[in-house]
C-alpha atoms as a PDB file:
ATOM      1  CA  MET A   1     -10.670  26.139 -11.756  1.00  0.00           C
ATOM      2  CA  LYS A   2     -10.967  23.620  -8.936  1.00  0.00           C
ATOM      3  CA  ARG A   3      -9.185  20.333  -9.295  1.00  0.00           C
ATOM      4  CA  LEU A   4     -11.229  17.122  -9.420  1.00  0.00           C
ATOM      5  CA  HIS A   5     -10.301  16.163  -5.860  1.00  0.00           C
ATOM      6  CA  GLU A   6     -11.439  19.418  -4.277  1.00  0.00           C
ATOM      7  CA  GLY A   7     -14.713  20.848  -3.067  1.00  0.00           C
ATOM      8  CA  LEU A   8     -17.680  19.769  -0.974  1.00  0.00           C
ATOM      9  CA  ASP A   9     -18.900  17.427  -3.700  1.00  0.00           C
ATOM     10  CA  TYR A  10     -15.699  15.391  -3.491  1.00  0.00           C
ATOM     11  CA  VAL A  11     -15.960  15.207   0.308  1.00  0.00           C
ATOM     12  CA  LEU A  12     -19.510  13.883  -0.049  1.00  0.00           C
ATOM     13  CA  TYR A  13     -18.281  11.457  -2.707  1.00  0.00           C
ATOM     14  CA  GLN A  14     -15.670  10.083  -0.301  1.00  0.00           C
ATOM     15  CA  ILE A  15     -18.356   9.653   2.356  1.00  0.00           C
ATOM     16  CA  TYR A  16     -20.478   7.834  -0.213  1.00  0.00           C
ATOM     17  CA  ILE A  17     -17.597   5.518  -1.200  1.00  0.00           C
ATOM     18  CA  TRP A  18     -16.544   4.442   2.272  1.00  0.00           C
ATOM     19  CA  GLY A  19     -19.922   4.741   3.962  1.00  0.00           C
ATOM     20  CA  GLY A  20     -21.579   2.857   1.104  1.00  0.00           C
ATOM     21  CA  LEU A  21     -18.957   0.111   1.190  1.00  0.00           C
ATOM     22  CA  ALA A  22     -19.410  -0.371   4.919  1.00  0.00           C
ATOM     23  CA  SER A  23     -23.184  -0.421   4.472  1.00  0.00           C
ATOM     24  CA  LEU A  24     -22.920  -3.050   1.719  1.00  0.00           C
ATOM     25  CA  VAL A  25     -20.800  -5.331   3.887  1.00  0.00           C
ATOM     26  CA  ALA A  26     -23.239  -4.984   6.784  1.00  0.00           C
ATOM     27  CA  TYR A  27     -26.189  -5.572   4.438  1.00  0.00           C
ATOM     28  CA  PHE A  28     -24.637  -8.733   2.966  1.00  0.00           C
ATOM     29  CA  ILE A  29     -23.936 -10.163   6.407  1.00  0.00           C
ATOM     30  CA  VAL A  30     -27.479  -9.542   7.616  1.00  0.00           C
ATOM     31  CA  THR A  31     -29.063 -10.846   4.392  1.00  0.00           C
ATOM     32  CA  VAL A  32     -26.974 -14.036   4.335  1.00  0.00           C
ATOM     33  CA  LEU A  33     -27.595 -14.756   8.012  1.00  0.00           C
ATOM     34  CA  ARG A  34     -31.338 -14.279   7.625  1.00  0.00           C
ATOM     35  CA  ALA A  35     -31.682 -16.301   4.403  1.00  0.00           C
ATOM     36  CA  GLU A  36     -32.305 -20.030   4.705  1.00  0.00           C
ATOM     37  CA  THR A  37     -29.835 -22.331   2.966  1.00  0.00           C
ATOM     38  CA  SER A  38     -32.589 -23.877   0.879  1.00  0.00           C
ATOM     39  CA  THR A  39     -33.516 -20.505  -0.598  1.00  0.00           C
ATOM     40  CA  TRP A  40     -30.040 -19.485  -1.783  1.00  0.00           C
ATOM     41  CA  GLN A  41     -30.950 -20.372  -5.363  1.00  0.00           C
ATOM     42  CA  ASP A  42     -34.097 -18.243  -5.163  1.00  0.00           C
ATOM     43  CA  ARG A  43     -34.083 -15.349  -7.633  1.00  0.00           C
ATOM     44  CA  GLN A  44     -35.444 -13.001  -4.977  1.00  0.00           C
ATOM     45  CA  VAL A  45     -32.548 -13.672  -2.594  1.00  0.00           C
ATOM     46  CA  PHE A  46     -30.039 -13.235  -5.408  1.00  0.00           C
ATOM     47  CA  ALA A  47     -31.693  -9.969  -6.461  1.00  0.00           C
ATOM     48  CA  ARG A  48     -31.603  -8.658  -2.911  1.00  0.00           C
ATOM     49  CA  LEU A  49     -27.845  -9.248  -2.854  1.00  0.00           C
ATOM     50  CA  LEU A  50     -27.085  -7.886  -6.329  1.00  0.00           C
ATOM     51  CA  ALA A  51     -29.355  -4.835  -6.446  1.00  0.00           C
ATOM     52  CA  PRO A  52     -27.519  -2.797  -3.764  1.00  0.00           C
ATOM     53  CA  VAL A  53     -24.193  -3.458  -5.508  1.00  0.00           C
ATOM     54  CA  MET A  54     -25.593  -2.194  -8.806  1.00  0.00           C
ATOM     55  CA  ILE A  55     -27.030   0.917  -7.158  1.00  0.00           C
ATOM     56  CA  TYR A  56     -23.721   1.591  -5.384  1.00  0.00           C
ATOM     57  CA  ILE A  57     -21.686   1.301  -8.595  1.00  0.00           C
ATOM     58  CA  ALA A  58     -24.252   3.346 -10.542  1.00  0.00           C
ATOM     59  CA  GLY A  59     -23.806   6.141  -8.003  1.00  0.00           C
ATOM     60  CA  ILE A  60     -20.049   6.161  -8.613  1.00  0.00           C
ATOM     61  CA  LEU A  61     -20.498   6.267 -12.388  1.00  0.00           C
ATOM     62  CA  VAL A  62     -23.065   9.068 -12.202  1.00  0.00           C
ATOM     63  CA  TYR A  63     -20.786  11.139  -9.962  1.00  0.00           C
ATOM     64  CA  TRP A  64     -17.911  11.024 -12.472  1.00  0.00           C
ATOM     65  CA  TRP A  65     -20.238  11.798 -15.359  1.00  0.00           C
ATOM     66  CA  TRP A  66     -21.246  14.901 -13.418  1.00  0.00           C
ATOM     67  CA  VAL A  67     -17.592  15.790 -12.826  1.00  0.00           C
ATOM     68  CA  PHE A  68     -16.600  15.420 -16.484  1.00  0.00           C
ATOM     69  CA  LEU A  69     -19.702  17.062 -17.959  1.00  0.00           C
ATOM     70  CA  PHE A  70     -20.571  19.795 -15.477  1.00  0.00           C
ATOM     71  CA  LYS A  71     -18.092  20.437 -12.678  1.00  0.00           C
ATOM     72  CA  GLY A  72     -15.166  21.317 -14.927  1.00  0.00           C
ATOM     73  CA  ASN A  73     -17.292  23.378 -17.320  1.00  0.00           C
ATOM     74  CA  ARG A  74     -18.941  25.237 -14.449  1.00  0.00           C
ATOM     75  CA  ASP A  75     -15.577  26.192 -12.972  1.00  0.00           C
ATOM     76  CA  LEU A  76     -14.262  27.155 -16.407  1.00  0.00           C
ATOM     77  CA  ALA A  77     -17.239  29.428 -17.023  1.00  0.00           C
ATOM     78  CA  LYS A  78     -16.696  31.085 -13.648  1.00  0.00           C
ATOM     79  CA  LEU A  79     -13.026  31.532 -14.466  1.00  0.00           C
ATOM     80  CA  GLY A  80     -13.855  33.250 -17.748  1.00  0.00           C
ATOM     81  CA  LYS A  81     -16.122  35.760 -16.012  1.00  0.00           C
ATOM     82  CA  THR A  82     -13.651  36.711 -13.271  1.00  0.00           C
ATOM     83  CA  PRO A  83     -10.120  36.496 -14.699  1.00  0.00           C
ATOM     84  CA  GLU A  84      -7.322  37.266 -12.253  1.00  0.00           C
ATOM     85  CA  GLU A  85      -4.967  40.167 -12.763  1.00  0.00           C
ATOM     86  CA  GLY A  86      -1.292  40.564 -11.946  1.00  0.00           C
ATOM     87  CA  VAL A  87       1.341  37.935 -11.250  1.00  0.00           C
ATOM     88  CA  PRO A  88      -0.027  34.657  -9.822  1.00  0.00           C
ATOM     89  CA  ALA A  89       0.460  34.261  -6.078  1.00  0.00           C
ATOM     90  CA  ILE A  90       3.165  32.008  -4.686  1.00  0.00           C
ATOM     91  CA  LYS A  91       0.544  29.360  -3.862  1.00  0.00           C
ATOM     92  CA  ALA A  92       0.220  28.774  -7.626  1.00  0.00           C
ATOM     93  CA  LEU A  93       3.557  26.933  -7.411  1.00  0.00           C
ATOM     94  CA  ALA A  94       1.880  24.067  -5.548  1.00  0.00           C
ATOM     95  CA  SER A  95       1.966  21.934  -8.715  1.00  0.00           C
ATOM     96  CA  TRP A  96       2.679  22.195 -12.416  1.00  0.00           C
ATOM     97  CA  ASN A  97      -1.053  22.126 -13.224  1.00  0.00           C
ATOM     98  CA  THR A  98      -1.939  24.902 -10.801  1.00  0.00           C
ATOM     99  CA  LEU A  99       0.907  27.022 -12.153  1.00  0.00           C
ATOM    100  CA  HIS A 100      -0.112  26.503 -15.786  1.00  0.00           C
ATOM    101  CA  GLN A 101      -3.686  27.471 -14.991  1.00  0.00           C
ATOM    102  CA  ALA A 102      -2.633  30.538 -13.014  1.00  0.00           C
ATOM    103  CA  MET A 103      -0.247  31.669 -15.760  1.00  0.00           C
ATOM    104  CA  ALA A 104      -2.959  31.214 -18.386  1.00  0.00           C
ATOM    105  CA  VAL A 105      -5.421  33.270 -16.365  1.00  0.00           C
ATOM    106  CA  SER A 106      -2.867  35.942 -15.484  1.00  0.00           C
ATOM    107  CA  GLY A 107      -1.132  37.381 -18.538  1.00  0.00           C
ATOM    108  CA  GLY A 108      -2.321  34.649 -20.883  1.00  0.00           C
ATOM    109  CA  ASN A 109      -5.510  33.950 -22.790  1.00  0.00           C
ATOM    110  CA  VAL A 110      -8.420  32.827 -20.603  1.00  0.00           C
ATOM    111  CA  ARG A 111     -10.698  32.022 -23.549  1.00  0.00           C
ATOM    112  CA  GLU A 112      -8.028  29.891 -25.169  1.00  0.00           C
ATOM    113  CA  PHE A 113      -7.456  28.143 -21.853  1.00  0.00           C
ATOM    114  CA  ILE A 114     -11.166  27.311 -21.600  1.00  0.00           C
ATOM    115  CA  ARG A 115     -11.303  26.048 -25.196  1.00  0.00           C
ATOM    116  CA  SER A 116      -8.187  23.926 -24.692  1.00  0.00           C
ATOM    117  CA  ALA A 117      -9.523  22.421 -21.466  1.00  0.00           C
ATOM    118  CA  ARG A 118     -12.792  21.465 -23.139  1.00  0.00           C
ATOM    119  CA  ARG A 119     -11.019  19.927 -26.139  1.00  0.00           C
ATOM    120  CA  ALA A 120      -8.795  17.915 -23.822  1.00  0.00           C
ATOM    121  CA  ASN A 121     -11.890  16.625 -22.017  1.00  0.00           C
ATOM    122  CA  ARG A 122     -13.496  15.056 -25.109  1.00  0.00           C
ATOM    123  CA  PRO A 123     -11.313  11.934 -25.401  1.00  0.00           C
ATOM    124  CA  ILE A 124     -11.710  11.402 -21.653  1.00  0.00           C
ATOM    125  CA  LEU A 125     -15.487  11.376 -22.069  1.00  0.00           C
ATOM    126  CA  VAL A 126     -15.313   8.818 -24.892  1.00  0.00           C
ATOM    127  CA  TRP A 127     -12.930   6.580 -22.917  1.00  0.00           C
ATOM    128  CA  TYR A 128     -15.101   6.819 -19.809  1.00  0.00           C
ATOM    129  CA  GLY A 129     -18.164   5.939 -21.872  1.00  0.00           C
ATOM    130  CA  ILE A 130     -16.418   2.769 -23.081  1.00  0.00           C
ATOM    131  CA  MET A 131     -15.571   1.908 -19.479  1.00  0.00           C
ATOM    132  CA  ASN A 132     -19.238   2.310 -18.598  1.00  0.00           C
ATOM    133  CA  LEU A 133     -20.181  -0.163 -21.329  1.00  0.00           C
ATOM    134  CA  GLY A 134     -18.028  -2.767 -19.612  1.00  0.00           C
ATOM    135  CA  VAL A 135     -19.722  -2.168 -16.275  1.00  0.00           C
ATOM    136  CA  VAL A 136     -23.166  -2.401 -17.853  1.00  0.00           C
ATOM    137  CA  TRP A 137     -22.228  -5.641 -19.609  1.00  0.00           C
ATOM    138  CA  VAL A 138     -21.047  -7.208 -16.345  1.00  0.00           C
ATOM    139  CA  PHE A 139     -24.483  -6.842 -14.793  1.00  0.00           C
ATOM    140  CA  ALA A 140     -26.723  -7.074 -17.886  1.00  0.00           C
ATOM    141  CA  PRO A 141     -27.013 -10.925 -18.000  1.00  0.00           C
ATOM    142  CA  PHE A 142     -28.004 -11.083 -14.339  1.00  0.00           C
ATOM    143  CA  VAL A 143     -30.666  -8.405 -14.740  1.00  0.00           C
ATOM    144  CA  LEU A 144     -32.030  -9.865 -17.984  1.00  0.00           C
ATOM    145  CA  GLY A 145     -31.953 -13.344 -16.509  1.00  0.00           C
ATOM    146  CA  TYR A 146     -33.846 -12.218 -13.437  1.00  0.00           C
ATOM    147  CA  LEU A 147     -36.452 -10.545 -15.668  1.00  0.00           C
ATOM    148  CA  ARG A 148     -36.616 -13.815 -17.681  1.00  0.00           C
ATOM    149  CA  VAL A 149     -35.653 -11.972 -20.862  1.00  0.00           C
ATOM    150  CA  LEU A 150     -32.803 -14.433 -21.256  1.00  0.00           C
ATOM    151  CA  ASN A 151     -33.885 -18.048 -20.872  1.00  0.00           C
ATOM    152  CA  GLU A 152     -30.824 -19.791 -22.280  1.00  0.00           C
ATOM    153  CA  GLU A 153     -29.013 -22.540 -20.446  1.00  0.00           C
ATOM    154  CA  ALA A 154     -26.394 -21.400 -17.929  1.00  0.00           C
ATOM    155  CA  GLY A 155     -23.540 -22.592 -20.149  1.00  0.00           C
ATOM    156  CA  GLU A 156     -24.799 -20.710 -23.194  1.00  0.00           C
ATOM    157  CA  LEU A 157     -25.410 -17.590 -21.125  1.00  0.00           C
ATOM    158  CA  LEU A 158     -21.897 -17.759 -19.699  1.00  0.00           C
ATOM    159  CA  GLY A 159     -20.418 -18.126 -23.182  1.00  0.00           C
ATOM    160  CA  PHE A 160     -22.419 -15.165 -24.450  1.00  0.00           C
ATOM    161  CA  TRP A 161     -21.300 -13.076 -21.475  1.00  0.00           C
ATOM    162  CA  LEU A 162     -17.619 -14.022 -21.842  1.00  0.00           C
ATOM    163  CA  GLY A 163     -17.775 -13.259 -25.580  1.00  0.00           C
ATOM    164  CA  GLY A 164     -19.103  -9.792 -24.844  1.00  0.00           C
ATOM    165  CA  MET A 165     -16.375  -9.205 -22.262  1.00  0.00           C
ATOM    166  CA  PHE A 166     -13.753 -10.249 -24.807  1.00  0.00           C
ATOM    167  CA  VAL A 167     -15.168  -7.768 -27.341  1.00  0.00           C
ATOM    168  CA  TRP A 168     -15.186  -5.023 -24.694  1.00  0.00           C
ATOM    169  CA  VAL A 169     -11.570  -5.670 -23.677  1.00  0.00           C
ATOM    170  CA  ALA A 170     -10.512  -5.656 -27.348  1.00  0.00           C
ATOM    171  CA  LEU A 171     -12.390  -2.392 -27.905  1.00  0.00           C
ATOM    172  CA  LEU A 172     -10.708  -0.859 -24.861  1.00  0.00           C
ATOM    173  CA  LEU A 173      -7.248  -1.957 -25.986  1.00  0.00           C
ATOM    174  CA  VAL A 174      -7.781  -0.469 -29.447  1.00  0.00           C
ATOM    175  CA  ALA A 175      -9.519   2.703 -28.310  1.00  0.00           C
ATOM    176  CA  THR A 176      -7.130   3.663 -25.506  1.00  0.00           C
ATOM    177  CA  PRO A 177      -4.083   4.466 -27.692  1.00  0.00           C
ATOM    178  CA  ILE A 178      -6.323   6.104 -30.310  1.00  0.00           C
ATOM    179  CA  LEU A 179      -7.910   8.341 -27.697  1.00  0.00           C
ATOM    180  CA  ALA A 180      -4.511   9.056 -26.162  1.00  0.00           C
ATOM    181  CA  GLY A 181      -3.299  10.151 -29.590  1.00  0.00           C
ATOM    182  CA  TRP A 182      -6.407  12.260 -30.047  1.00  0.00           C
ATOM    183  CA  GLY A 183      -5.708  13.934 -26.727  1.00  0.00           C
ATOM    184  CA  SER A 184      -2.046  14.552 -27.520  1.00  0.00           C
ATOM    185  CA  ARG A 185      -2.628  15.945 -31.015  1.00  0.00           C
ATOM    186  CA  GLY A 186      -2.615  19.660 -30.752  1.00  0.00           C
ATOM    187  CA  GLY A 187      -1.236  19.274 -27.251  1.00  0.00           C
ATOM    188  CA  GLU A 188       1.478  21.753 -28.032  1.00  0.00           C
ATOM    189  CA  ARG A 189      -1.090  24.390 -28.933  1.00  0.00           C
ATOM    190  CA  ALA A 190      -3.308  23.414 -26.015  1.00  0.00           C
ATOM    191  CA  PHE A 191      -0.361  23.952 -23.685  1.00  0.00           C
ATOM    192  CA  LEU A 192       1.178  27.110 -25.135  1.00  0.00           C
ATOM    193  CA  ALA A 193      -1.747  29.102 -26.551  1.00  0.00           C
ATOM    194  CA  PRO A 194      -3.411  29.707 -23.165  1.00  0.00           C
ATOM    195  CA  LEU A 195      -0.109  31.204 -21.977  1.00  0.00           C
ATOM    196  CA  GLY A 196      -0.078  33.637 -24.903  1.00  0.00           C
ATOM    197  CA  LEU A 197       2.829  31.775 -26.537  1.00  0.00           C
ATOM    198  CA  ALA A 198       3.375  29.905 -29.785  1.00  0.00           C
ATOM    199  CA  VAL A 199       6.133  27.789 -31.309  1.00  0.00           C
ATOM    200  CA  THR A 200       8.256  29.846 -33.697  1.00  0.00           C
ATOM    201  CA  ARG A 201      10.972  27.289 -34.269  1.00  0.00           C
ATOM    202  CA  THR A 202      11.072  23.519 -34.011  1.00  0.00           C
ATOM    203  CA  PRO A 203      14.426  21.742 -33.664  1.00  0.00           C
ATOM    204  CA  ALA A 204      15.860  19.473 -36.322  1.00  0.00           C
ATOM    205  CA  VAL A 205      17.089  16.066 -35.199  1.00  0.00           C
ATOM    206  CA  GLN A 206      20.353  14.215 -35.694  1.00  0.00           C
ATOM    207  CA  PRO A 207      21.633  10.780 -34.679  1.00  0.00           C
ATOM    208  CA  ASP A 208      23.196  10.395 -31.259  1.00  0.00           C
ATOM    209  CA  LEU A 209      26.684   9.214 -32.244  1.00  0.00           C
ATOM    210  CA  ILE A 210      27.239   7.346 -29.004  1.00  0.00           C
ATOM    211  CA  ALA A 211      23.961   5.486 -29.434  1.00  0.00           C
ATOM    212  CA  VAL A 212      24.750   4.744 -33.083  1.00  0.00           C
ATOM    213  CA  ILE A 213      28.161   3.303 -32.191  1.00  0.00           C
ATOM    214  CA  SER A 214      26.560   1.098 -29.565  1.00  0.00           C
ATOM    215  CA  GLY A 215      23.969  -0.139 -32.059  1.00  0.00           C
ATOM    216  CA  GLY A 216      21.099   2.204 -31.175  1.00  0.00           C
ATOM    217  CA  GLN A 217      18.991   4.452 -33.370  1.00  0.00           C
ATOM    218  CA  LYS A 218      18.432   7.306 -30.948  1.00  0.00           C
ATOM    219  CA  LEU A 219      17.909  10.794 -32.337  1.00  0.00           C
ATOM    220  CA  ILE A 220      18.678  14.009 -30.498  1.00  0.00           C
ATOM    221  CA  PRO A 221      17.610  17.606 -31.233  1.00  0.00           C
ATOM    222  CA  ALA A 222      20.086  19.570 -33.358  1.00  0.00           C
ATOM    223  CA  GLY A 223      18.857  22.919 -32.058  1.00  0.00           C
ATOM    224  CA  PRO A 224      16.493  24.487 -29.574  1.00  0.00           C
ATOM    225  CA  ALA A 225      12.723  24.676 -29.624  1.00  0.00           C
ATOM    226  CA  VAL A 226      11.693  28.335 -29.497  1.00  0.00           C
ATOM    227  CA  PHE A 227       8.457  29.735 -28.046  1.00  0.00           C
ATOM    228  CA  GLU A 228       7.541  33.391 -28.322  1.00  0.00           C
ATOM    229  CA  GLY A 229       4.637  35.652 -27.505  1.00  0.00           C
ATOM    230  CA  GLU A 230       3.533  38.546 -25.362  1.00  0.00           C
ATOM    231  CA  ARG A 231       2.455  38.571 -21.733  1.00  0.00           C
ATOM    232  CA  HIS A 232       1.405  41.612 -19.707  1.00  0.00           C
ATOM    233  CA  GLY A 233       2.407  43.724 -22.717  1.00  0.00           C
ATOM    234  CA  ARG A 234       6.003  42.420 -22.640  1.00  0.00           C
ATOM    235  CA  PRO A 235       7.658  40.342 -25.403  1.00  0.00           C
ATOM    236  CA  VAL A 236       8.657  36.857 -24.216  1.00  0.00           C
ATOM    237  CA  HIS A 237      11.275  34.569 -25.783  1.00  0.00           C
ATOM    238  CA  ILE A 238      11.922  31.009 -24.550  1.00  0.00           C
ATOM    239  CA  GLU A 239      14.396  28.408 -25.820  1.00  0.00           C
ATOM    240  CA  THR A 240      14.683  24.811 -24.650  1.00  0.00           C
ATOM    241  CA  ILE A 241      17.037  21.999 -25.592  1.00  0.00           C
ATOM    242  CA  GLY A 242      17.505  18.963 -23.421  1.00  0.00           C
ATOM    243  CA  LYS A 243      17.960  19.994 -19.800  1.00  0.00           C
ATOM    244  CA  HIS A 244      18.879  23.556 -20.809  1.00  0.00           C
ATOM    245  CA  SER A 245      16.391  26.411 -21.106  1.00  0.00           C
ATOM    246  CA  LEU A 246      16.558  30.158 -21.594  1.00  0.00           C
ATOM    247  CA  THR A 247      13.665  32.461 -20.694  1.00  0.00           C
ATOM    248  CA  VAL A 248      13.793  36.132 -21.656  1.00  0.00           C
ATOM    249  CA  VAL A 249      11.237  38.824 -20.821  1.00  0.00           C
ATOM    250  CA  GLN A 250      11.869  42.311 -22.195  1.00  0.00           C
ATOM    251  CA  ALA A 251      11.651  45.156 -19.671  1.00  0.00           C
ATOM    252  CA  ARG A 252      13.784  47.844 -18.057  1.00  0.00           C
ATOM    253  CA  LEU A 253      15.416  46.865 -14.773  1.00  0.00           C
ATOM    254  CA  PRO A 254      18.477  47.791 -12.746  1.00  0.00           C
ATOM    255  CA  GLU A 255      21.371  45.382 -13.139  1.00  0.00           C
ATOM    256  CA  PHE A 256      21.490  42.519 -10.657  1.00  0.00           C
ATOM    257  CA  LYS A 257      22.001  38.776 -10.567  1.00  0.00           C
ATOM    258  CA  VAL A 258      20.258  35.928  -8.749  1.00  0.00           C
ATOM    259  CA  GLN A 259      21.689  32.429  -8.446  1.00  0.00           C
ATOM    260  CA  SER A 260      20.427  29.164  -7.032  1.00  0.00           C
ATOM    261  CA  ASN A 261      22.407  27.880  -4.086  1.00  0.00           C
ATOM    262  CA  ALA A 262      21.321  24.619  -2.446  1.00  0.00           C
ATOM    263  CA  ASP A 263      17.842  25.028  -3.999  1.00  0.00           C
ATOM    264  CA  LYS A 264      17.471  28.560  -2.608  1.00  0.00           C
ATOM    265  CA  LEU A 265      17.484  31.712  -4.761  1.00  0.00           C
ATOM    266  CA  ILE A 266      20.183  34.122  -3.545  1.00  0.00           C
ATOM    267  CA  PRO A 267      20.464  37.693  -4.929  1.00  0.00           C
ATOM    268  CA  ASP A 268      23.809  39.449  -5.331  1.00  0.00           C
ATOM    269  CA  GLU A 269      24.771  42.626  -3.476  1.00  0.00           C
ATOM    270  CA  GLU A 270      23.559  44.873  -6.317  1.00  0.00           C
ATOM    271  CA  ALA A 271      20.001  43.560  -6.192  1.00  0.00           C
ATOM    272  CA  PRO A 272      17.400  46.141  -5.044  1.00  0.00           C
ATOM    273  CA  GLU A 273      16.021  45.725  -1.548  1.00  0.00           C
ATOM    274  CA  GLY A 274      12.593  44.849  -2.933  1.00  0.00           C
ATOM    275  CA  VAL A 275      14.044  41.978  -4.974  1.00  0.00           C
ATOM    276  CA  ALA A 276      15.956  40.604  -1.992  1.00  0.00           C
ATOM    277  CA  LYS A 277      12.823  40.754   0.148  1.00  0.00           C
ATOM    278  CA  ALA A 278      10.697  39.081  -2.534  1.00  0.00           C
ATOM    279  CA  LEU A 279      13.168  36.216  -2.917  1.00  0.00           C
ATOM    280  CA  LYS A 280      13.151  35.561   0.827  1.00  0.00           C
ATOM    281  CA  SER A 281       9.463  34.686   0.569  1.00  0.00           C
ATOM    282  CA  LEU A 282      10.279  31.900  -1.917  1.00  0.00           C
ATOM    283  CA  ARG A 283      11.051  28.834   0.124  1.00  0.00           C
ATOM    284  CA  LYS A 284      13.828  26.407  -0.701  1.00  0.00           C
ATOM    285  CA  ALA A 285      12.667  24.011  -3.416  1.00  0.00           C
ATOM    286  CA  LYS A 286      14.068  21.700  -6.098  1.00  0.00           C
ATOM    287  CA  ARG A 287      12.255  23.705  -8.763  1.00  0.00           C
ATOM    288  CA  TRP A 288      14.896  26.445  -8.345  1.00  0.00           C
ATOM    289  CA  ARG A 289      17.822  24.078  -8.857  1.00  0.00           C
ATOM    290  CA  GLY A 290      20.255  25.040 -11.653  1.00  0.00           C
ATOM    291  CA  ILE A 291      18.892  28.585 -12.126  1.00  0.00           C
ATOM    292  CA  VAL A 292      20.783  31.812 -12.818  1.00  0.00           C
ATOM    293  CA  VAL A 293      18.910  35.106 -13.280  1.00  0.00           C
ATOM    294  CA  TYR A 294      20.343  38.170 -15.023  1.00  0.00           C
ATOM    295  CA  ALA A 295      18.487  41.494 -14.983  1.00  0.00           C
ATOM    296  CA  GLY A 296      19.289  44.767 -16.701  1.00  0.00           C
ATOM    297  CA  PRO A 297      18.027  47.542 -18.980  1.00  0.00           C
ATOM    298  CA  ALA A 298      17.218  45.029 -21.754  1.00  0.00           C
ATOM    299  CA  GLY A 299      15.071  42.826 -19.536  1.00  0.00           C
ATOM    300  CA  ILE A 300      15.347  39.755 -17.377  1.00  0.00           C
ATOM    301  CA  VAL A 301      16.918  36.452 -18.398  1.00  0.00           C
ATOM    302  CA  VAL A 302      16.514  33.144 -16.580  1.00  0.00           C
ATOM    303  CA  GLN A 303      18.943  30.381 -17.501  1.00  0.00           C
ATOM    304  CA  ARG A 304      18.303  26.861 -16.286  1.00  0.00           C
ATOM    305  CA  GLN A 305      20.239  23.638 -16.377  1.00  0.00           C
ATOM    306  CA  SER A 306      18.179  20.978 -14.672  1.00  0.00           C
ATOM    307  CA  LYS A 307      16.155  17.894 -15.506  1.00  0.00           C
ATOM    308  CA  GLY A 308      12.393  18.055 -15.802  1.00  0.00           C
ATOM    309  CA  THR A 309       9.669  18.620 -18.364  1.00  0.00           C
ATOM    310  CA  ASN A 310       8.609  22.198 -19.107  1.00  0.00           C
ATOM    311  CA  MET A 311      10.540  23.572 -16.129  1.00  0.00           C
ATOM    312  CA  TRP A 312      10.812  26.856 -18.041  1.00  0.00           C
ATOM    313  CA  LEU A 313       7.262  27.575 -16.889  1.00  0.00           C
ATOM    314  CA  TYR A 314       8.605  28.131 -13.371  1.00  0.00           C
ATOM    315  CA  ASP A 315      11.298  30.397 -14.842  1.00  0.00           C
ATOM    316  CA  LEU A 316       8.669  32.460 -16.644  1.00  0.00           C
ATOM    317  CA  TRP A 317       6.733  32.843 -13.411  1.00  0.00           C
ATOM    318  CA  LEU A 318       9.926  33.860 -11.583  1.00  0.00           C
ATOM    319  CA  ALA A 319      10.754  36.476 -14.211  1.00  0.00           C
ATOM    320  CA  GLU A 320       7.270  37.984 -14.018  1.00  0.00           C
ATOM    321  CA  TYR A 321       7.328  37.773 -10.234  1.00  0.00           C
ATOM    322  CA  LEU A 322      10.557  39.781 -10.077  1.00  0.00           C
ATOM    323  CA  LEU A 323       9.236  42.252 -12.652  1.00  0.00           C
ATOM    324  CA  GLY A 324       6.323  42.948 -10.350  1.00  0.00           C
ATOM    325  CA  VAL A 325       8.644  43.911  -7.475  1.00  0.00           C
ATOM    326  CA  PRO A 326       9.251  47.642  -6.937  1.00  0.00           C
ATOM    327  CA  CYS A 327      12.912  48.409  -7.794  1.00  0.00           C
END
């Protein structure tokens, strides 16, 4: 699925943003220079200044409605019809999001990925709708005043407008954490299920003694979180606790070892030629820091000791990448 900031539509959107802004500035200058000072209070002059701004902003809002409602769903539908096979290409490592998508499509569950993406989009739509209400409210008094629907005194109109803005800000402040919670609930399933994995063990928690002694209330996990499932017909077992993670994929391999050295993956002398060649194509990167790989008849194990959230996803890709190399 394409990211939001990709594609011809986004290029055209950028042209609209900057070209439209430049056009507005030029339009304002020409309109102000041509208008007589005595007519500045004229409704027609005011409308000529405000209308282009409203049209410009409406274009921005409509574009993002199209992105949220159609662009993502269109790309998801295309993805479901033409799922990729095999291990994701190295270019999938460009970002965590691209890797998660590629791993879900290859060896995971495409339908679950599509369902999860659509569920995650719902709170965004609600939040964006609330944002649109604020934009509409900003311009509503001017439009209604110009149409003579509102005939109140300027002071009363200003008070009414400010009251509405206060209600909108309060609504936004209340709705944002609620929608964030809505989006995060089931986040674990939305993240793991598309990969073909599920939580089989959740860690207990215990007080951090150092924090308790210093007056804190911090809790730390008393054991690992365990994810398990099946990918490409192979059982997968993953454990994480703090900065430590263990990723195991069952398979039959010759014995060899790979270790990270200065952010580069270096195979030992027993590694097959195909493995050594495959690792050379992986450029030096921080994502490989703190990794040790063990391979053998029981499968491949990737141990990691490094900071970062869900770094085991890169380890899972590495394990499957090496499993796809002829040995």
